[in-house]
Every structure is written in structure tokens, then in C-alpha cells.
Amino acid sequence: MNAFPDDTFLGLVPAQAVEAEPGEGDTVVLIRPKILSPRWAWLLKLMKRPHFRVKLDARGTALWRACDSARTVAQVMEAMARAHPGEADAGFRAALFLRELARGGFVRLS
């Protein structure tokens, strides 16, 4: 499998799919239910901690905020590359992180 994002992926538009709250400094904490299936959602009421809390660092927070339902993956990659000009792979790393956020149900790609 090719590690570089393909054209189909680059044209998708990421949208935030979970709640977020302010974290330390200017970062955010993503809050996602541990169970995403509506069929098993009733189990959330029985759990002590029904949500995952994912603390993002400054770079992850910037990427999260760039997922505004208006920019494509390619545009988010470009924005991250411009924000980190000294890093040749900043855009590529942003695409990989977006893919992981989508797999985890934190963002929707459409």
C-alpha cells in the first residue's frame, strides 16, 4: 500500500465529528463516546467513563481547527506546511494524522 495520500483522499473535506473543549494553554481536548454504534449506545449510561478524552498538542490543535468543513485535505496539508516551513514533511504528517482522526471517528471525510 502506498503511504502517500492519493488524489481521492486529497479531495475530501474533513469535518469535526466530536465535541472539543479547551485544554491547557491554547490546545483542545477531543471528547468521543467509547461506543459509536447507536445500537449499543445504551451501554454508555452504564459506564463510569463513557468517553475518550484525547489531549491534542499545539500542532494537533491547529490541524483540528483547520477541519472547518470548508477546506479539502490538500488545503489543510498546505496550511500545515506553511505553518511549519522548516519541516519538509509537515503536510504529509498532517495527512497521516487526518487519516487517523477519521479512522477513530473524530472527523468525517466527505
N, C-alpha and C. Protein backbone atom coordinates (compact mmCIF):
# COMPACT_ATOMS: atom_id res chain seq x y z
N MET A 1 0.85 -1.19 0.00
CA MET A 1 0.00 0.00 0.00
C MET A 1 0.88 1.23 0.00
N ASN A 2 0.54 2.18 -0.83
CA ASN A 2 1.29 3.42 -0.93
C ASN A 2 0.98 4.30 0.28
N ALA A 3 2.02 4.80 0.93
CA ALA A 3 1.83 5.62 2.13
C ALA A 3 1.40 7.04 1.78
N PHE A 4 1.72 7.49 0.57
CA PHE A 4 1.37 8.86 0.21
C PHE A 4 -0.12 8.95 -0.10
N PRO A 5 -0.79 10.00 0.38
CA PRO A 5 -2.23 10.14 0.13
C PRO A 5 -2.54 10.23 -1.37
N ASP A 6 -3.60 9.55 -1.79
CA ASP A 6 -3.98 9.58 -3.20
C ASP A 6 -4.88 10.77 -3.48
N ASP A 7 -5.16 11.00 -4.78
CA ASP A 7 -5.95 12.15 -5.19
C ASP A 7 -7.36 12.15 -4.61
N THR A 8 -7.94 10.97 -4.47
CA THR A 8 -9.28 10.87 -3.90
C THR A 8 -9.29 11.39 -2.47
N PHE A 9 -8.31 10.93 -1.69
CA PHE A 9 -8.21 11.36 -0.29
C PHE A 9 -7.95 12.86 -0.21
N LEU A 10 -7.08 13.38 -1.07
CA LEU A 10 -6.72 14.81 -1.04
C LEU A 10 -7.92 15.71 -1.34
N GLY A 11 -8.90 15.21 -2.08
CA GLY A 11 -10.07 15.99 -2.44
C GLY A 11 -11.19 15.96 -1.41
N LEU A 12 -11.07 15.10 -0.40
CA LEU A 12 -12.11 15.01 0.63
C LEU A 12 -12.07 16.22 1.55
N VAL A 13 -13.22 16.50 2.16
CA VAL A 13 -13.33 17.64 3.07
C VAL A 13 -13.52 17.12 4.49
N PRO A 14 -12.55 17.38 5.38
CA PRO A 14 -12.68 16.92 6.77
C PRO A 14 -13.59 17.84 7.59
N ALA A 15 -14.46 17.23 8.38
CA ALA A 15 -15.36 17.96 9.26
C ALA A 15 -15.27 17.37 10.66
N GLN A 16 -15.26 18.22 11.65
CA GLN A 16 -15.19 17.77 13.03
C GLN A 16 -16.43 16.95 13.36
N ALA A 17 -16.23 15.76 13.97
CA ALA A 17 -17.35 14.86 14.23
C ALA A 17 -17.61 14.66 15.72
N VAL A 18 -16.77 15.25 16.58
CA VAL A 18 -16.93 15.09 18.03
C VAL A 18 -16.83 16.45 18.70
N GLU A 19 -17.21 16.47 19.97
CA GLU A 19 -17.10 17.69 20.75
C GLU A 19 -15.64 17.93 21.14
N ALA A 20 -15.32 19.17 21.40
CA ALA A 20 -13.98 19.54 21.87
C ALA A 20 -14.15 20.58 22.97
N GLU A 21 -13.20 20.56 23.90
CA GLU A 21 -13.22 21.57 24.96
C GLU A 21 -11.81 22.14 25.09
N PRO A 22 -11.70 23.32 25.67
CA PRO A 22 -10.37 23.92 25.83
C PRO A 22 -9.49 23.05 26.73
N GLY A 23 -8.23 22.96 26.34
CA GLY A 23 -7.25 22.23 27.13
C GLY A 23 -6.29 23.21 27.78
N GLU A 24 -5.10 22.73 28.10
CA GLU A 24 -4.08 23.59 28.69
C GLU A 24 -3.55 24.54 27.63
N GLY A 25 -3.32 25.77 28.03
CA GLY A 25 -2.83 26.76 27.07
C GLY A 25 -3.87 27.02 26.00
N ASP A 26 -3.45 26.95 24.76
CA ASP A 26 -4.35 27.20 23.63
C ASP A 26 -4.66 25.90 22.88
N THR A 27 -4.65 24.77 23.59
CA THR A 27 -4.90 23.48 22.97
C THR A 27 -6.36 23.06 23.19
N VAL A 28 -6.73 21.96 22.57
CA VAL A 28 -8.07 21.42 22.76
C VAL A 28 -8.00 19.95 23.19
N VAL A 29 -9.09 19.51 23.80
CA VAL A 29 -9.27 18.12 24.20
C VAL A 29 -10.49 17.61 23.45
N LEU A 30 -10.31 16.54 22.69
CA LEU A 30 -11.42 15.93 21.94
C LEU A 30 -12.15 14.95 22.84
N ILE A 31 -13.47 14.95 22.75
CA ILE A 31 -14.30 14.08 23.58
C ILE A 31 -15.14 13.22 22.65
N ARG A 32 -14.88 11.89 22.68
CA ARG A 32 -15.59 10.97 21.81
C ARG A 32 -16.18 9.84 22.62
N PRO A 33 -17.44 9.49 22.39
CA PRO A 33 -18.03 8.34 23.09
C PRO A 33 -17.23 7.07 22.80
N LYS A 34 -17.11 6.21 23.80
CA LYS A 34 -16.38 4.96 23.62
C LYS A 34 -17.13 4.00 22.70
N ILE A 35 -18.44 4.18 22.62
CA ILE A 35 -19.26 3.33 21.75
C ILE A 35 -19.92 4.24 20.72
N LEU A 36 -19.62 3.99 19.45
CA LEU A 36 -20.17 4.83 18.38
C LEU A 36 -21.46 4.28 17.78
N SER A 37 -21.70 3.00 17.93
CA SER A 37 -22.87 2.38 17.34
C SER A 37 -24.14 2.80 18.08
N PRO A 38 -25.14 3.32 17.37
CA PRO A 38 -26.40 3.68 18.02
C PRO A 38 -27.07 2.47 18.68
N ARG A 39 -26.82 1.30 18.12
CA ARG A 39 -27.43 0.07 18.65
C ARG A 39 -26.98 -0.22 20.08
N TRP A 40 -25.71 0.12 20.40
CA TRP A 40 -25.15 -0.17 21.71
C TRP A 40 -24.97 1.09 22.56
N ALA A 41 -25.52 2.21 22.14
CA ALA A 41 -25.35 3.48 22.85
C ALA A 41 -25.90 3.43 24.28
N TRP A 42 -26.85 2.59 24.54
CA TRP A 42 -27.43 2.49 25.89
C TRP A 42 -26.37 2.07 26.91
N LEU A 43 -25.32 1.38 26.45
CA LEU A 43 -24.25 0.96 27.36
C LEU A 43 -23.48 2.16 27.94
N LEU A 44 -23.48 3.26 27.21
CA LEU A 44 -22.77 4.45 27.69
C LEU A 44 -23.29 4.90 29.05
N LYS A 45 -24.60 4.75 29.27
CA LYS A 45 -25.21 5.17 30.53
C LYS A 45 -24.74 4.32 31.70
N LEU A 46 -24.28 3.12 31.43
CA LEU A 46 -23.83 2.21 32.48
C LEU A 46 -22.35 2.34 32.80
N MET A 47 -21.63 3.05 31.97
CA MET A 47 -20.17 3.15 32.12
C MET A 47 -19.78 4.32 33.03
N LYS A 48 -18.74 4.12 33.82
CA LYS A 48 -18.24 5.21 34.66
C LYS A 48 -17.65 6.33 33.82
N ARG A 49 -16.87 5.95 32.83
CA ARG A 49 -16.25 6.92 31.93
C ARG A 49 -16.64 6.56 30.50
N PRO A 50 -17.75 7.10 30.02
CA PRO A 50 -18.25 6.70 28.71
C PRO A 50 -17.56 7.36 27.51
N HIS A 51 -16.61 8.27 27.78
CA HIS A 51 -15.97 8.99 26.69
C HIS A 51 -14.45 8.87 26.73
N PHE A 52 -13.87 8.88 25.53
CA PHE A 52 -12.43 9.03 25.40
C PHE A 52 -12.13 10.52 25.46
N ARG A 53 -11.06 10.90 26.09
CA ARG A 53 -10.62 12.29 26.13
C ARG A 53 -9.21 12.32 25.55
N VAL A 54 -9.07 12.93 24.39
CA VAL A 54 -7.79 12.96 23.68
C VAL A 54 -7.25 14.38 23.72
N LYS A 55 -6.12 14.55 24.40
CA LYS A 55 -5.48 15.86 24.51
C LYS A 55 -4.58 16.08 23.31
N LEU A 56 -4.84 17.13 22.57
CA LEU A 56 -4.02 17.45 21.40
C LEU A 56 -2.93 18.45 21.79
N ASP A 57 -1.78 18.36 21.13
CA ASP A 57 -0.73 19.35 21.32
C ASP A 57 -1.03 20.54 20.41
N ALA A 58 -0.12 21.50 20.35
CA ALA A 58 -0.35 22.71 19.56
C ALA A 58 -0.53 22.39 18.08
N ARG A 59 0.27 21.48 17.56
CA ARG A 59 0.17 21.11 16.14
C ARG A 59 -1.16 20.39 15.86
N GLY A 60 -1.54 19.46 16.72
CA GLY A 60 -2.81 18.76 16.55
C GLY A 60 -4.00 19.70 16.68
N THR A 61 -3.89 20.67 17.58
CA THR A 61 -4.95 21.67 17.75
C THR A 61 -5.10 22.51 16.48
N ALA A 62 -3.98 22.93 15.90
CA ALA A 62 -4.03 23.71 14.66
C ALA A 62 -4.69 22.91 13.54
N LEU A 63 -4.35 21.63 13.45
CA LEU A 63 -4.95 20.78 12.43
C LEU A 63 -6.45 20.60 12.70
N TRP A 64 -6.82 20.40 13.96
CA TRP A 64 -8.22 20.24 14.33
C TRP A 64 -9.02 21.48 13.92
N ARG A 65 -8.48 22.64 14.20
CA ARG A 65 -9.17 23.89 13.85
C ARG A 65 -9.25 24.09 12.34
N ALA A 66 -8.32 23.52 11.60
CA ALA A 66 -8.35 23.63 10.14
C ALA A 66 -9.42 22.74 9.53
N CYS A 67 -9.93 21.79 10.28
CA CYS A 67 -11.01 20.91 9.80
C CYS A 67 -12.34 21.64 9.98
N ASP A 68 -12.58 22.60 9.10
CA ASP A 68 -13.72 23.51 9.26
C ASP A 68 -14.86 23.23 8.28
N SER A 69 -14.84 22.07 7.64
CA SER A 69 -15.86 21.67 6.67
C SER A 69 -15.83 22.52 5.40
N ALA A 70 -14.80 23.34 5.22
CA ALA A 70 -14.68 24.16 4.03
C ALA A 70 -13.43 23.82 3.23
N ARG A 71 -12.37 23.41 3.91
CA ARG A 71 -11.10 23.11 3.25
C ARG A 71 -11.00 21.62 2.93
N THR A 72 -10.33 21.32 1.84
CA THR A 72 -10.07 19.93 1.50
C THR A 72 -8.84 19.44 2.27
N VAL A 73 -8.59 18.16 2.22
CA VAL A 73 -7.40 17.59 2.85
C VAL A 73 -6.15 18.25 2.27
N ALA A 74 -6.12 18.45 0.95
CA ALA A 74 -4.97 19.08 0.31
C ALA A 74 -4.76 20.50 0.84
N GLN A 75 -5.82 21.25 1.05
CA GLN A 75 -5.71 22.61 1.57
C GLN A 75 -5.24 22.61 3.02
N VAL A 76 -5.69 21.65 3.81
CA VAL A 76 -5.23 21.53 5.20
C VAL A 76 -3.74 21.19 5.20
N MET A 77 -3.33 20.29 4.31
CA MET A 77 -1.91 19.95 4.20
C MET A 77 -1.07 21.17 3.86
N GLU A 78 -1.55 21.97 2.92
CA GLU A 78 -0.83 23.19 2.52
C GLU A 78 -0.72 24.16 3.68
N ALA A 79 -1.81 24.33 4.43
CA ALA A 79 -1.81 25.25 5.57
C ALA A 79 -0.81 24.79 6.64
N MET A 80 -0.76 23.49 6.88
CA MET A 80 0.18 22.97 7.88
C MET A 80 1.61 23.11 7.39
N ALA A 81 1.84 22.92 6.11
CA ALA A 81 3.19 23.07 5.54
C ALA A 81 3.64 24.53 5.63
N ARG A 82 2.72 25.47 5.38
CA ARG A 82 3.07 26.90 5.51
C ARG A 82 3.34 27.27 6.95
N ALA A 83 2.61 26.67 7.89
CA ALA A 83 2.78 26.98 9.31
C ALA A 83 4.10 26.43 9.85
N HIS A 84 4.67 25.43 9.19
CA HIS A 84 5.92 24.79 9.63
C HIS A 84 6.88 24.72 8.44
N PRO A 85 7.39 25.87 7.99
CA PRO A 85 8.21 25.90 6.77
C PRO A 85 9.54 25.15 6.89
N GLY A 86 10.05 24.96 8.07
CA GLY A 86 11.33 24.28 8.24
C GLY A 86 11.22 22.77 8.17
N GLU A 87 10.01 22.25 8.10
CA GLU A 87 9.80 20.81 8.07
C GLU A 87 9.26 20.39 6.70
N ALA A 88 10.08 19.65 5.98
CA ALA A 88 9.71 19.26 4.62
C ALA A 88 8.49 18.34 4.59
N ASP A 89 8.26 17.59 5.66
CA ASP A 89 7.16 16.61 5.65
C ASP A 89 5.95 17.05 6.48
N ALA A 90 5.83 18.32 6.81
CA ALA A 90 4.73 18.80 7.67
C ALA A 90 3.36 18.52 7.04
N GLY A 91 3.21 18.75 5.76
CA GLY A 91 1.94 18.50 5.08
C GLY A 91 1.61 17.02 5.04
N PHE A 92 2.60 16.19 4.76
CA PHE A 92 2.41 14.74 4.72
C PHE A 92 2.00 14.22 6.09
N ARG A 93 2.67 14.71 7.14
CA ARG A 93 2.32 14.28 8.51
C ARG A 93 0.90 14.70 8.87
N ALA A 94 0.48 15.87 8.39
CA ALA A 94 -0.89 16.33 8.63
C ALA A 94 -1.89 15.38 7.97
N ALA A 95 -1.60 14.92 6.76
CA ALA A 95 -2.49 14.00 6.06
C ALA A 95 -2.59 12.67 6.81
N LEU A 96 -1.46 12.19 7.30
CA LEU A 96 -1.48 10.94 8.06
C LEU A 96 -2.29 11.08 9.34
N PHE A 97 -2.15 12.22 10.02
CA PHE A 97 -2.92 12.44 11.25
C PHE A 97 -4.40 12.56 10.94
N LEU A 98 -4.75 13.24 9.84
CA LEU A 98 -6.16 13.33 9.44
C LEU A 98 -6.75 11.95 9.18
N ARG A 99 -5.96 11.09 8.53
CA ARG A 99 -6.43 9.74 8.26
C ARG A 99 -6.71 8.99 9.57
N GLU A 100 -5.83 9.16 10.55
CA GLU A 100 -6.03 8.51 11.86
C GLU A 100 -7.23 9.09 12.59
N LEU A 101 -7.43 10.40 12.51
CA LEU A 101 -8.61 11.01 13.13
C LEU A 101 -9.89 10.47 12.51
N ALA A 102 -9.87 10.27 11.20
CA ALA A 102 -11.05 9.72 10.51
C ALA A 102 -11.29 8.27 10.93
N ARG A 103 -10.23 7.48 11.02
CA ARG A 103 -10.38 6.08 11.44
C ARG A 103 -10.92 5.97 12.86
N GLY A 104 -10.56 6.92 13.70
CA GLY A 104 -11.01 6.90 15.09
C GLY A 104 -12.37 7.53 15.30
N GLY A 105 -12.99 8.06 14.23
CA GLY A 105 -14.32 8.65 14.36
C GLY A 105 -14.30 10.08 14.89
N PHE A 106 -13.16 10.73 14.86
CA PHE A 106 -13.07 12.11 15.35
C PHE A 106 -13.42 13.12 14.27
N VAL A 107 -13.16 12.79 13.02
CA VAL A 107 -13.55 13.63 11.88
C VAL A 107 -14.27 12.77 10.86
N ARG A 108 -15.12 13.43 10.07
CA ARG A 108 -15.79 12.79 8.94
C ARG A 108 -15.16 13.34 7.67
N LEU A 109 -14.91 12.48 6.72
CA LEU A 109 -14.38 12.91 5.43
C LEU A 109 -15.47 12.75 4.39
N SER A 110 -15.80 13.85 3.72
CA SER A 110 -16.85 13.78 2.69
C SER A 110 -16.41 14.49 1.42
